[in-house]
Amino acid sequence: MAHAEFGICGPGVRHRKESGLDLIFMAIGVAIFMLAFALFTRVSRAGDSSLSLPIALAALTGLALAGWETFRLWRREDDAALMQAGTLGFISLIGIYAKAPKGSALAIVAALAPLVPAALFAWSAVRLARHADELQRRIAQEALALGFVVALFAALAGMALEAAGLPRLDWAWMAAILVVGCGLGFLLANRRYR
């Protein structure tokens, strides 16, 4: 099980030592998948079908390696490492839909792909919170409440600015605002309960 520590700058969650190698191999698998996926879309647009199958197999191999290492982390119940794996997967897959032809089934699957590591992150965060003591839960609750309010205000401000004629914003920035709001909440709650 991971160790959760709350310090001045928020929660510090450390993964087990044996999970480090799994995270490295997972990152290698994600890199292989991303490179092969980009190459696959380029080859399929060019119409060269002789290279499509080996490149698609390389992409699936990278995805299988990342999935296997994530499964090993899950089986070990290392929630901190699973959170890191979910974050890496989400960041890696967030823009992959742009490489696929617009409106294709591949683009739809690629657009929904970041939700899998995001769900892994959320699930491991909930499991980690279940093992926290009362003070850690209270700090996390206050941080999440502040993050929600900041994100809600930012979404309403973004909607108003778009209605006023500013260009449409990319909604990926909302996740960053939520994370920054929660980080600020952790900082303020930790100072209060110090």
Protein backbone atom coordinates (compact mmCIF):
# COMPACT_ATOMS: atom_id res chain seq x y z
CA MET A 1 0.00 0.00 0.00
CA ALA A 2 1.20 3.53 -0.73
CA HIS A 3 2.15 5.96 1.98
CA ALA A 4 0.23 9.25 2.14
CA GLU A 5 1.87 12.16 3.91
CA PHE A 6 0.48 15.66 4.16
CA GLY A 7 3.04 18.43 4.29
CA ILE A 8 3.17 22.16 3.78
CA CYS A 9 2.61 21.98 0.02
CA GLY A 10 -0.17 19.39 0.03
CA PRO A 11 -0.28 15.66 -0.03
CA GLY A 12 2.91 13.82 -0.72
CA VAL A 13 2.18 10.34 -1.96
CA ARG A 14 5.08 7.97 -2.53
CA HIS A 15 4.96 4.78 -4.49
CA ARG A 16 6.75 1.62 -3.48
CA LYS A 17 10.36 1.13 -4.56
CA GLU A 18 9.51 -1.92 -6.69
CA SER A 19 6.98 0.13 -8.68
CA GLY A 20 9.62 2.41 -10.18
CA LEU A 21 10.69 -0.11 -12.81
CA ASP A 22 7.06 -0.80 -13.71
CA LEU A 23 6.48 2.92 -14.24
CA ILE A 24 9.55 3.13 -16.50
CA PHE A 25 8.42 0.19 -18.63
CA MET A 26 4.91 1.63 -18.77
CA ALA A 27 6.32 4.92 -20.07
CA ILE A 28 8.33 3.02 -22.70
CA GLY A 29 5.17 1.20 -23.78
CA VAL A 30 3.26 4.48 -24.04
CA ALA A 31 6.09 6.01 -26.11
CA ILE A 32 6.14 3.02 -28.48
CA PHE A 33 2.36 3.24 -28.86
CA MET A 34 2.38 6.97 -29.56
CA LEU A 35 5.16 6.75 -32.14
CA ALA A 36 3.62 3.75 -33.89
CA PHE A 37 0.14 5.31 -33.84
CA ALA A 38 1.44 8.51 -35.43
CA LEU A 39 3.32 6.50 -38.04
CA PHE A 40 0.25 4.32 -38.67
CA THR A 41 -1.97 7.31 -39.36
CA ARG A 42 0.66 8.80 -41.68
CA VAL A 43 1.05 5.52 -43.59
CA SER A 44 -2.71 4.97 -43.83
CA ARG A 45 -3.20 8.48 -45.28
CA ALA A 46 -0.48 7.80 -47.84
CA GLY A 47 -2.24 4.59 -48.87
CA ASP A 48 0.73 2.27 -48.29
CA SER A 49 -1.02 -0.86 -47.00
CA SER A 50 2.11 -3.03 -46.89
CA LEU A 51 3.41 -1.21 -43.79
CA SER A 52 0.06 -0.78 -42.05
CA LEU A 53 -0.08 -4.19 -40.38
CA PRO A 54 3.46 -4.21 -38.87
CA ILE A 55 3.06 -0.65 -37.60
CA ALA A 56 -0.38 -1.44 -36.13
CA LEU A 57 1.12 -4.48 -34.40
CA ALA A 58 3.91 -2.30 -32.99
CA ALA A 59 1.29 0.13 -31.64
CA LEU A 60 -0.63 -2.74 -30.05
CA THR A 61 2.61 -4.11 -28.58
CA GLY A 62 3.37 -0.76 -26.93
CA LEU A 63 -0.19 -0.56 -25.64
CA ALA A 64 0.04 -4.13 -24.32
CA LEU A 65 3.32 -3.35 -22.51
CA ALA A 66 1.80 -0.27 -20.88
CA GLY A 67 -1.31 -2.24 -19.96
CA TRP A 68 0.69 -5.13 -18.48
CA GLU A 69 2.77 -2.82 -16.31
CA THR A 70 -0.37 -1.00 -15.16
CA PHE A 71 -1.92 -4.37 -14.29
CA ARG A 72 1.17 -5.23 -12.23
CA LEU A 73 0.77 -1.95 -10.30
CA TRP A 74 -2.91 -2.65 -9.75
CA ARG A 75 -2.23 -6.20 -8.55
CA ARG A 76 0.38 -4.85 -6.11
CA GLU A 77 -2.23 -2.31 -4.86
CA ASP A 78 0.22 0.57 -5.16
CA ASP A 79 -2.27 3.40 -5.45
CA ALA A 80 0.35 6.15 -5.60
CA ALA A 81 2.05 4.52 -8.59
CA LEU A 82 -1.35 3.95 -10.22
CA MET A 83 -2.08 7.66 -9.87
CA GLN A 84 1.23 8.45 -11.58
CA ALA A 85 0.48 5.90 -14.30
CA GLY A 86 -2.97 7.41 -14.84
CA THR A 87 -1.51 10.89 -15.09
CA LEU A 88 1.14 9.76 -17.58
CA GLY A 89 -1.44 7.94 -19.67
CA PHE A 90 -3.83 10.89 -19.69
CA ILE A 91 -1.15 13.41 -20.66
CA SER A 92 0.18 11.08 -23.35
CA LEU A 93 -3.19 10.35 -24.94
CA ILE A 94 -4.91 13.74 -24.65
CA GLY A 95 -4.10 14.97 -28.16
CA ILE A 96 -3.77 11.72 -30.05
CA TYR A 97 -7.15 12.13 -31.78
CA ALA A 98 -5.69 14.94 -33.89
CA LYS A 99 -3.48 12.43 -35.71
CA ALA A 100 -6.46 10.32 -36.86
CA PRO A 101 -8.69 11.24 -39.83
CA LYS A 102 -11.55 13.49 -38.65
CA GLY A 103 -14.87 11.70 -38.14
CA SER A 104 -13.40 8.20 -38.46
CA ALA A 105 -13.93 5.40 -35.97
CA LEU A 106 -10.22 5.63 -35.14
CA ALA A 107 -10.61 9.33 -34.25
CA ILE A 108 -13.55 8.57 -31.96
CA VAL A 109 -11.67 5.80 -30.16
CA ALA A 110 -8.57 8.03 -29.91
CA ALA A 111 -10.65 10.91 -28.52
CA LEU A 112 -12.12 8.67 -25.81
CA ALA A 113 -8.83 6.90 -25.00
CA PRO A 114 -7.66 9.45 -22.36
CA LEU A 115 -10.71 8.60 -20.25
CA VAL A 116 -9.28 5.17 -19.40
CA PRO A 117 -6.17 6.47 -17.58
CA ALA A 118 -8.26 9.30 -16.08
CA ALA A 119 -10.60 6.68 -14.61
CA LEU A 120 -7.57 4.77 -13.30
CA PHE A 121 -6.31 7.95 -11.64
CA ALA A 122 -9.71 8.66 -10.07
CA TRP A 123 -10.15 5.10 -8.84
CA SER A 124 -6.71 5.00 -7.23
CA ALA A 125 -7.23 8.44 -5.66
CA VAL A 126 -10.48 7.25 -4.08
CA ARG A 127 -8.78 4.09 -2.79
CA LEU A 128 -5.94 6.18 -1.37
CA ALA A 129 -8.44 8.49 0.34
CA ARG A 130 -10.16 5.52 1.96
CA HIS A 131 -6.92 4.72 3.79
CA ALA A 132 -6.41 8.29 5.05
CA ASP A 133 -7.08 9.33 8.63
CA GLU A 134 -9.73 11.90 9.64
CA LEU A 135 -7.47 14.96 9.43
CA GLN A 136 -6.16 13.97 6.00
CA ARG A 137 -9.73 13.46 4.79
CA ARG A 138 -10.80 16.85 6.15
CA ILE A 139 -7.88 18.57 4.40
CA ALA A 140 -8.67 16.76 1.15
CA GLN A 141 -12.35 17.67 1.42
CA GLU A 142 -11.57 21.36 1.85
CA ALA A 143 -9.09 21.25 -1.03
CA LEU A 144 -11.58 19.59 -3.36
CA ALA A 145 -14.27 22.09 -2.38
CA LEU A 146 -12.00 25.02 -3.22
CA GLY A 147 -10.92 23.35 -6.47
CA PHE A 148 -14.58 22.85 -7.44
CA VAL A 149 -15.47 26.48 -6.74
CA VAL A 150 -12.44 27.79 -8.67
CA ALA A 151 -13.18 25.50 -11.64
CA LEU A 152 -16.87 26.44 -11.64
CA PHE A 153 -16.02 30.14 -11.60
CA ALA A 154 -13.48 29.66 -14.42
CA ALA A 155 -16.04 27.73 -16.51
CA LEU A 156 -18.64 30.46 -16.05
CA ALA A 157 -16.10 33.17 -16.87
CA GLY A 158 -15.01 31.23 -19.98
CA MET A 159 -18.64 30.89 -21.09
CA ALA A 160 -19.23 34.61 -20.61
CA LEU A 161 -16.06 35.53 -22.53
CA GLU A 162 -17.05 33.24 -25.41
CA ALA A 163 -20.50 34.85 -25.47
CA ALA A 164 -18.80 38.24 -25.61
CA GLY A 165 -17.02 37.26 -28.81
CA LEU A 166 -13.67 35.86 -27.71
CA PRO A 167 -12.51 32.72 -29.52
CA ARG A 168 -13.67 29.33 -28.30
CA LEU A 169 -11.40 27.88 -25.63
CA ASP A 170 -10.13 24.31 -25.46
CA TRP A 171 -11.80 22.51 -22.55
CA ALA A 172 -8.61 20.69 -21.54
CA TRP A 173 -7.64 23.81 -19.59
CA MET A 174 -10.45 23.08 -17.11
CA ALA A 175 -8.56 20.06 -15.76
CA ALA A 176 -5.52 22.26 -15.15
CA ILE A 177 -7.63 24.86 -13.34
CA LEU A 178 -9.18 22.17 -11.16
CA VAL A 179 -5.75 20.77 -10.26
CA VAL A 180 -4.38 24.24 -9.45
CA GLY A 181 -7.48 25.03 -7.36
CA CYS A 182 -7.12 21.78 -5.42
CA GLY A 183 -3.41 22.42 -4.91
CA LEU A 184 -4.18 25.86 -3.53
CA GLY A 185 -6.85 24.29 -1.30
CA PHE A 186 -4.35 21.75 0.04
CA LEU A 187 -1.88 24.51 0.77
CA LEU A 188 -4.44 26.64 2.64
CA ALA A 189 -5.97 23.72 4.56
CA ASN A 190 -2.55 22.45 5.61
CA ARG A 191 -1.61 25.87 6.95
CA ARG A 192 -4.86 26.01 8.93
CA TYR A 193 -4.37 22.59 10.56
CA ARG A 194 -0.64 22.90 11.20
